[in-house]
């Protein structure tokens, strides 16, 4: 599902214009991004939890040349699905 399809689905479900639904989706994405940027945990009941984790520096290999290299430490966004969502997907 693309963002446009999501906006159309939300507009139909909520009975609002697509432009209003798109503003809501954009506001949600912005709020989620800002919270994760601050390192906050975002929990949405029935959907799941978004969290930021630190990945340590590690050794790797350049796939093109085969030379060893160091992959730098970084932060990654992790999503853990809620039990209700897992059950809905696996029914």
Foldseek 3Di string as FASTA:
>chain_A
DDLQVVLVVCCVVVVHDSVVSSVVVVVVVVVVVVCVVVQHWDADPLFWIKGKDKDQWDWDADPVPRHIDIDHIDIDIDTDGDPNVVVVVVD
